[in-house]
Amino acid sequence: MTLLQGQKDIHYKITQILSQDENLKRRLFSFGLTEGSVVSIIHSSMHKSNIAIIVGNSQVALRNNEASQICIELAN
């Protein structure tokens, strides 16, 4: 499942970043979005064109094409 398919207020663990774009990977890493990070969706816009997530103590907004590149599973 990808972050784009996740639901609000549930904790997920990032399992993989699918993108081959090194610039995007660096940008995501700079936000703390790495394999093993725990995230929670706090808001999604109409049609999920953008989503806001919490990672650590930070709130991050992602476009749907970015969120679709982040694989997740339920966090324990």
PDB file of N, CA and C in Angstrom:
ATOM      1  N   MET A   1       0.857  -1.166   0.000  1.00  0.00           N
ATOM      2  CA  MET A   1       0.000   0.000   0.000  1.00  0.00           C
ATOM      3  C   MET A   1       0.906   1.232   0.000  1.00  0.00           C
ATOM      4  N   THR A   2       0.436   2.304  -0.612  1.00  0.00           N
ATOM      5  CA  THR A   2       1.207   3.551  -0.624  1.00  0.00           C
ATOM      6  C   THR A   2       0.568   4.562   0.317  1.00  0.00           C
ATOM      7  N   LEU A   3       1.317   5.593   0.621  1.00  0.00           N
ATOM      8  CA  LEU A   3       0.825   6.645   1.505  1.00  0.00           C
ATOM      9  C   LEU A   3      -0.437   7.290   0.939  1.00  0.00           C
ATOM     10  N   LEU A   4      -0.545   7.352  -0.364  1.00  0.00           N
ATOM     11  CA  LEU A   4      -1.733   7.926  -0.998  1.00  0.00           C
ATOM     12  C   LEU A   4      -2.982   7.112  -0.667  1.00  0.00           C
ATOM     13  N   GLN A   5      -2.824   5.822  -0.416  1.00  0.00           N
ATOM     14  CA  GLN A   5      -3.952   4.942  -0.105  1.00  0.00           C
ATOM     15  C   GLN A   5      -4.246   4.866   1.393  1.00  0.00           C
ATOM     16  N   GLY A   6      -3.403   5.488   2.210  1.00  0.00           N
ATOM     17  CA  GLY A   6      -3.580   5.442   3.658  1.00  0.00           C
ATOM     18  C   GLY A   6      -4.786   6.242   4.118  1.00  0.00           C
ATOM     19  N   GLN A   7      -5.148   6.021   5.373  1.00  0.00           N
ATOM     20  CA  GLN A   7      -6.290   6.713   5.957  1.00  0.00           C
ATOM     21  C   GLN A   7      -5.832   7.646   7.067  1.00  0.00           C
ATOM     22  N   LYS A   8      -6.634   8.652   7.304  1.00  0.00           N
ATOM     23  CA  LYS A   8      -6.344   9.676   8.299  1.00  0.00           C
ATOM     24  C   LYS A   8      -6.269   9.081   9.704  1.00  0.00           C
ATOM     25  N   ASP A   9      -5.357   9.634  10.504  1.00  0.00           N
ATOM     26  CA  ASP A   9      -5.218   9.323  11.936  1.00  0.00           C
ATOM     27  C   ASP A   9      -4.794   7.892  12.245  1.00  0.00           C
ATOM     28  N   ILE A  10      -4.156   7.226  11.315  1.00  0.00           N
ATOM     29  CA  ILE A  10      -3.614   5.885  11.550  1.00  0.00           C
ATOM     30  C   ILE A  10      -2.096   5.983  11.388  1.00  0.00           C
ATOM     31  N   HIS A  11      -1.367   5.325  12.261  1.00  0.00           N
ATOM     32  CA  HIS A  11       0.097   5.350  12.191  1.00  0.00           C
ATOM     33  C   HIS A  11       0.587   4.277  11.221  1.00  0.00           C
ATOM     34  N   TYR A  12       1.461   4.705  10.311  1.00  0.00           N
ATOM     35  CA  TYR A  12       2.042   3.811   9.315  1.00  0.00           C
ATOM     36  C   TYR A  12       3.561   3.866   9.398  1.00  0.00           C
ATOM     37  N   LYS A  13       4.201   2.777   9.038  1.00  0.00           N
ATOM     38  CA  LYS A  13       5.656   2.731   8.938  1.00  0.00           C
ATOM     39  C   LYS A  13       6.019   2.718   7.458  1.00  0.00           C
ATOM     40  N   ILE A  14       6.970   3.549   7.077  1.00  0.00           N
ATOM     41  CA  ILE A  14       7.449   3.579   5.695  1.00  0.00           C
ATOM     42  C   ILE A  14       8.310   2.345   5.455  1.00  0.00           C
ATOM     43  N   THR A  15       7.968   1.594   4.412  1.00  0.00           N
ATOM     44  CA  THR A  15       8.713   0.374   4.098  1.00  0.00           C
ATOM     45  C   THR A  15       9.637   0.544   2.900  1.00  0.00           C
ATOM     46  N   GLN A  16       9.302   1.488   2.010  1.00  0.00           N
ATOM     47  CA  GLN A  16      10.114   1.656   0.797  1.00  0.00           C
ATOM     48  C   GLN A  16       9.761   2.966   0.116  1.00  0.00           C
ATOM     49  N   ILE A  17      10.759   3.590  -0.502  1.00  0.00           N
ATOM     50  CA  ILE A  17      10.563   4.750  -1.369  1.00  0.00           C
ATOM     51  C   ILE A  17      10.780   4.248  -2.796  1.00  0.00           C
ATOM     52  N   LEU A  18       9.742   4.304  -3.615  1.00  0.00           N
ATOM     53  CA  LEU A  18       9.796   3.717  -4.952  1.00  0.00           C
ATOM     54  C   LEU A  18      10.472   4.593  -6.004  1.00  0.00           C
ATOM     55  N   SER A  19      10.490   5.877  -5.803  1.00  0.00           N
ATOM     56  CA  SER A  19      10.975   6.807  -6.821  1.00  0.00           C
ATOM     57  C   SER A  19      12.421   6.529  -7.217  1.00  0.00           C
ATOM     58  N   GLN A  20      12.697   6.673  -8.496  1.00  0.00           N
ATOM     59  CA  GLN A  20      14.062   6.590  -9.013  1.00  0.00           C
ATOM     60  C   GLN A  20      14.675   7.985  -9.140  1.00  0.00           C
ATOM     61  N   ASP A  21      13.868   9.011  -8.886  1.00  0.00           N
ATOM     62  CA  ASP A  21      14.316  10.403  -8.971  1.00  0.00           C
ATOM     63  C   ASP A  21      15.135  10.747  -7.722  1.00  0.00           C
ATOM     64  N   GLU A  22      16.437  10.907  -7.895  1.00  0.00           N
ATOM     65  CA  GLU A  22      17.328  11.168  -6.756  1.00  0.00           C
ATOM     66  C   GLU A  22      17.015  12.492  -6.071  1.00  0.00           C
ATOM     67  N   ASN A  23      16.591  13.504  -6.842  1.00  0.00           N
ATOM     68  CA  ASN A  23      16.233  14.787  -6.233  1.00  0.00           C
ATOM     69  C   ASN A  23      15.024  14.636  -5.320  1.00  0.00           C
ATOM     70  N   LEU A  24      14.031  13.883  -5.761  1.00  0.00           N
ATOM     71  CA  LEU A  24      12.854  13.651  -4.929  1.00  0.00           C
ATOM     72  C   LEU A  24      13.232  12.856  -3.689  1.00  0.00           C
ATOM     73  N   LYS A  25      14.060  11.839  -3.846  1.00  0.00           N
ATOM     74  CA  LYS A  25      14.493  11.045  -2.687  1.00  0.00           C
ATOM     75  C   LYS A  25      15.209  11.914  -1.660  1.00  0.00           C
ATOM     76  N   ARG A  26      16.096  12.788  -2.126  1.00  0.00           N
ATOM     77  CA  ARG A  26      16.812  13.685  -1.204  1.00  0.00           C
ATOM     78  C   ARG A  26      15.835  14.609  -0.489  1.00  0.00           C
ATOM     79  N   ARG A  27      14.850  15.108  -1.229  1.00  0.00           N
ATOM     80  CA  ARG A  27      13.850  16.000  -0.632  1.00  0.00           C
ATOM     81  C   ARG A  27      13.062  15.263   0.444  1.00  0.00           C
ATOM     82  N   LEU A  28      12.609  14.045   0.138  1.00  0.00           N
ATOM     83  CA  LEU A  28      11.855  13.260   1.118  1.00  0.00           C
ATOM     84  C   LEU A  28      12.719  12.946   2.334  1.00  0.00           C
ATOM     85  N   PHE A  29      13.969  12.566   2.112  1.00  0.00           N
ATOM     86  CA  PHE A  29      14.882  12.270   3.222  1.00  0.00           C
ATOM     87  C   PHE A  29      15.083  13.502   4.099  1.00  0.00           C
ATOM     88  N   SER A  30      15.140  14.693   3.478  1.00  0.00           N
ATOM     89  CA  SER A  30      15.338  15.921   4.258  1.00  0.00           C
ATOM     90  C   SER A  30      14.148  16.206   5.170  1.00  0.00           C
ATOM     91  N   PHE A  31      12.979  15.671   4.818  1.00  0.00           N
ATOM     92  CA  PHE A  31      11.786  15.808   5.665  1.00  0.00           C
ATOM     93  C   PHE A  31      11.724  14.730   6.740  1.00  0.00           C
ATOM     94  N   GLY A  32      12.657  13.790   6.708  1.00  0.00           N
ATOM     95  CA  GLY A  32      12.627  12.690   7.668  1.00  0.00           C
ATOM     96  C   GLY A  32      11.857  11.485   7.176  1.00  0.00           C
ATOM     97  N   LEU A  33      11.518  11.467   5.892  1.00  0.00           N
ATOM     98  CA  LEU A  33      10.768  10.352   5.314  1.00  0.00           C
ATOM     99  C   LEU A  33      11.748   9.302   4.810  1.00  0.00           C
ATOM    100  N   THR A  34      12.076   8.364   5.671  1.00  0.00           N
ATOM    101  CA  THR A  34      13.015   7.295   5.355  1.00  0.00           C
ATOM    102  C   THR A  34      12.378   5.961   5.715  1.00  0.00           C
ATOM    103  N   GLU A  35      12.928   4.889   5.197  1.00  0.00           N
ATOM    104  CA  GLU A  35      12.418   3.560   5.542  1.00  0.00           C
ATOM    105  C   GLU A  35      12.486   3.378   7.050  1.00  0.00           C
ATOM    106  N   GLY A  36      11.382   2.929   7.629  1.00  0.00           N
ATOM    107  CA  GLY A  36      11.300   2.738   9.072  1.00  0.00           C
ATOM    108  C   GLY A  36      10.666   3.899   9.810  1.00  0.00           C
ATOM    109  N   SER A  37      10.564   5.073   9.171  1.00  0.00           N
ATOM    110  CA  SER A  37       9.925   6.222   9.816  1.00  0.00           C
ATOM    111  C   SER A  37       8.439   5.956  10.003  1.00  0.00           C
ATOM    112  N   VAL A  38       7.893   6.459  11.108  1.00  0.00           N
ATOM    113  CA  VAL A  38       6.459   6.333  11.371  1.00  0.00           C
ATOM    114  C   VAL A  38       5.795   7.657  11.016  1.00  0.00           C
ATOM    115  N   VAL A  39       4.724   7.565  10.236  1.00  0.00           N
ATOM    116  CA  VAL A  39       3.997   8.751   9.783  1.00  0.00           C
ATOM    117  C   VAL A  39       2.511   8.569  10.047  1.00  0.00           C
ATOM    118  N   SER A  40       1.811   9.689  10.070  1.00  0.00           N
ATOM    119  CA  SER A  40       0.361   9.670  10.228  1.00  0.00           C
ATOM    120  C   SER A  40      -0.227  10.743   9.324  1.00  0.00           C
ATOM    121  N   ILE A  41      -1.259  10.401   8.574  1.00  0.00           N
ATOM    122  CA  ILE A  41      -1.930  11.364   7.700  1.00  0.00           C
ATOM    123  C   ILE A  41      -2.858  12.207   8.565  1.00  0.00           C
ATOM    124  N   ILE A  42      -2.743  13.530   8.450  1.00  0.00           N
ATOM    125  CA  ILE A  42      -3.611  14.398   9.246  1.00  0.00           C
ATOM    126  C   ILE A  42      -4.640  15.134   8.389  1.00  0.00           C
ATOM    127  N   HIS A  43      -4.389  15.218   7.088  1.00  0.00           N
ATOM    128  CA  HIS A  43      -5.345  15.903   6.207  1.00  0.00           C
ATOM    129  C   HIS A  43      -5.089  15.478   4.768  1.00  0.00           C
ATOM    130  N   SER A  44      -6.154  15.364   4.003  1.00  0.00           N
ATOM    131  CA  SER A  44      -6.007  15.178   2.557  1.00  0.00           C
ATOM    132  C   SER A  44      -7.000  16.093   1.866  1.00  0.00           C
ATOM    133  N   SER A  45      -6.548  16.721   0.790  1.00  0.00           N
ATOM    134  CA  SER A  45      -7.411  17.633   0.051  1.00  0.00           C
ATOM    135  C   SER A  45      -8.414  16.833  -0.776  1.00  0.00           C
ATOM    136  N   MET A  46      -9.364  17.549  -1.326  1.00  0.00           N
ATOM    137  CA  MET A  46     -10.362  16.901  -2.165  1.00  0.00           C
ATOM    138  C   MET A  46      -9.655  16.135  -3.278  1.00  0.00           C
ATOM    139  N   HIS A  47     -10.064  14.941  -3.533  1.00  0.00           N
ATOM    140  CA  HIS A  47      -9.473  14.051  -4.541  1.00  0.00           C
ATOM    141  C   HIS A  47      -8.035  13.660  -4.206  1.00  0.00           C
ATOM    142  N   LYS A  48      -7.624  13.900  -2.963  1.00  0.00           N
ATOM    143  CA  LYS A  48      -6.271  13.561  -2.492  1.00  0.00           C
ATOM    144  C   LYS A  48      -5.179  14.110  -3.412  1.00  0.00           C
ATOM    145  N   SER A  49      -5.370  15.334  -3.918  1.00  0.00           N
ATOM    146  CA  SER A  49      -4.317  15.927  -4.744  1.00  0.00           C
ATOM    147  C   SER A  49      -3.120  16.333  -3.894  1.00  0.00           C
ATOM    148  N   ASN A  50      -3.356  16.585  -2.614  1.00  0.00           N
ATOM    149  CA  ASN A  50      -2.292  16.867  -1.644  1.00  0.00           C
ATOM    150  C   ASN A  50      -2.665  16.204  -0.330  1.00  0.00           C
ATOM    151  N   ILE A  51      -1.649  15.788   0.423  1.00  0.00           N
ATOM    152  CA  ILE A  51      -1.910  15.274   1.763  1.00  0.00           C
ATOM    153  C   ILE A  51      -0.924  15.913   2.732  1.00  0.00           C
ATOM    154  N   ALA A  52      -1.360  16.046   3.971  1.00  0.00           N
ATOM    155  CA  ALA A  52      -0.490  16.533   5.042  1.00  0.00           C
ATOM    156  C   ALA A  52      -0.267  15.377   5.997  1.00  0.00           C
ATOM    157  N   ILE A  53       0.986  15.203   6.387  1.00  0.00           N
ATOM    158  CA  ILE A  53       1.337  14.116   7.291  1.00  0.00           C
ATOM    159  C   ILE A  53       2.163  14.658   8.450  1.00  0.00           C
ATOM    160  N   ILE A  54       2.217  13.872   9.509  1.00  0.00           N
ATOM    161  CA  ILE A  54       3.117  14.135  10.630  1.00  0.00           C
ATOM    162  C   ILE A  54       4.212  13.082  10.571  1.00  0.00           C
ATOM    163  N   VAL A  55       5.448  13.526  10.629  1.00  0.00           N
ATOM    164  CA  VAL A  55       6.597  12.621  10.736  1.00  0.00           C
ATOM    165  C   VAL A  55       7.486  13.206  11.825  1.00  0.00           C
ATOM    166  N   GLY A  56       7.703  12.455  12.880  1.00  0.00           N
ATOM    167  CA  GLY A  56       8.430  12.990  14.029  1.00  0.00           C
ATOM    168  C   GLY A  56       7.644  14.142  14.625  1.00  0.00           C
ATOM    169  N   ASN A  57       8.283  15.289  14.768  1.00  0.00           N
ATOM    170  CA  ASN A  57       7.618  16.488  15.287  1.00  0.00           C
ATOM    171  C   ASN A  57       7.283  17.479  14.179  1.00  0.00           C
ATOM    172  N   SER A  58       7.342  17.038  12.937  1.00  0.00           N
ATOM    173  CA  SER A  58       7.136  17.930  11.797  1.00  0.00           C
ATOM    174  C   SER A  58       5.878  17.582  11.021  1.00  0.00           C
ATOM    175  N   GLN A  59       5.271  18.618  10.476  1.00  0.00           N
ATOM    176  CA  GLN A  59       4.146  18.445   9.565  1.00  0.00           C
ATOM    177  C   GLN A  59       4.674  18.682   8.156  1.00  0.00           C
ATOM    178  N   VAL A  60       4.351  17.770   7.236  1.00  0.00           N
ATOM    179  CA  VAL A  60       4.864  17.831   5.867  1.00  0.00           C
ATOM    180  C   VAL A  60       3.695  17.699   4.897  1.00  0.00           C
ATOM    181  N   ALA A  61       3.677  18.543   3.859  1.00  0.00           N
ATOM    182  CA  ALA A  61       2.671  18.439   2.803  1.00  0.00           C
ATOM    183  C   ALA A  61       3.316  17.776   1.589  1.00  0.00           C
ATOM    184  N   LEU A  62       2.596  16.827   1.002  1.00  0.00           N
ATOM    185  CA  LEU A  62       3.092  16.107  -0.169  1.00  0.00           C
ATOM    186  C   LEU A  62       2.060  16.153  -1.285  1.00  0.00           C
ATOM    187  N   ARG A  63       2.537  16.187  -2.524  1.00  0.00           N
ATOM    188  CA  ARG A  63       1.654  16.044  -3.682  1.00  0.00           C
ATOM    189  C   ARG A  63       1.279  14.572  -3.817  1.00  0.00           C
ATOM    190  N   ASN A  64       0.181  14.304  -4.507  1.00  0.00           N
ATOM    191  CA  ASN A  64      -0.262  12.905  -4.629  1.00  0.00           C
ATOM    192  C   ASN A  64       0.756  12.043  -5.369  1.00  0.00           C
ATOM    193  N   ASN A  65       1.471  12.613  -6.346  1.00  0.00           N
ATOM    194  CA  ASN A  65       2.476  11.804  -7.055  1.00  0.00           C
ATOM    195  C   ASN A  65       3.656  11.461  -6.149  1.00  0.00           C
ATOM    196  N   GLU A  66       3.959  12.301  -5.170  1.00  0.00           N
ATOM    197  CA  GLU A  66       5.015  11.993  -4.203  1.00  0.00           C
ATOM    198  C   GLU A  66       4.533  10.934  -3.214  1.00  0.00           C
ATOM    199  N   ALA A  67       3.310  11.112  -2.713  1.00  0.00           N
ATOM    200  CA  ALA A  67       2.746  10.158  -1.748  1.00  0.00           C
ATOM    201  C   ALA A  67       2.594   8.771  -2.365  1.00  0.00           C
ATOM    202  N   SER A  68       2.352   8.713  -3.666  1.00  0.00           N
ATOM    203  CA  SER A  68       2.177   7.416  -4.326  1.00  0.00           C
ATOM    204  C   SER A  68       3.502   6.663  -4.480  1.00  0.00           C
ATOM    205  N   GLN A  69       4.618   7.323  -4.205  1.00  0.00           N
ATOM    206  CA  GLN A  69       5.940   6.698  -4.301  1.00  0.00           C
ATOM    207  C   GLN A  69       6.436   6.160  -2.956  1.00  0.00           C
ATOM    208  N   ILE A  70       5.625   6.331  -1.900  1.00  0.00           N
ATOM    209  CA  ILE A  70       6.031   5.940  -0.548  1.00  0.00           C
ATOM    210  C   ILE A  70       5.195   4.744  -0.102  1.00  0.00           C
ATOM    211  N   CYS A  71       5.829   3.592   0.038  1.00  0.00           N
ATOM    212  CA  CYS A  71       5.142   2.370   0.476  1.00  0.00           C
ATOM    213  C   CYS A  71       5.075   2.347   1.999  1.00  0.00           C
ATOM    214  N   ILE A  72       3.924   1.905   2.517  1.00  0.00           N
ATOM    215  CA  ILE A  72       3.703   1.896   3.962  1.00  0.00           C
ATOM    216  C   ILE A  72       3.054   0.594   4.403  1.00  0.00           C
ATOM    217  N   GLU A  73       3.144   0.347   5.709  1.00  0.00           N
ATOM    218  CA  GLU A  73       2.392  -0.732   6.349  1.00  0.00           C
ATOM    219  C   GLU A  73       1.954  -0.195   7.702  1.00  0.00           C
ATOM    220  N   LEU A  74       0.985  -0.847   8.317  1.00  0.00           N
ATOM    221  CA  LEU A  74       0.542  -0.420   9.639  1.00  0.00           C
ATOM    222  C   LEU A  74       1.700  -0.498  10.618  1.00  0.00           C
ATOM    223  N   ALA A  75       1.839   0.546  11.430  1.00  0.00           N
ATOM    224  CA  ALA A  75       2.887   0.552  12.455  1.00  0.00           C
ATOM    225  C   ALA A  75       2.395  -0.236  13.663  1.00  0.00           C
ATOM    226  N   ASN A  76       3.315  -0.861  14.364  1.00  0.00           N
ATOM    227  CA  ASN A  76       2.955  -1.627  15.568  1.00  0.00           C
ATOM    228  C   ASN A  76       2.672  -0.723  16.726  1.00  0.00           C
TER     229      ASN A  76
END
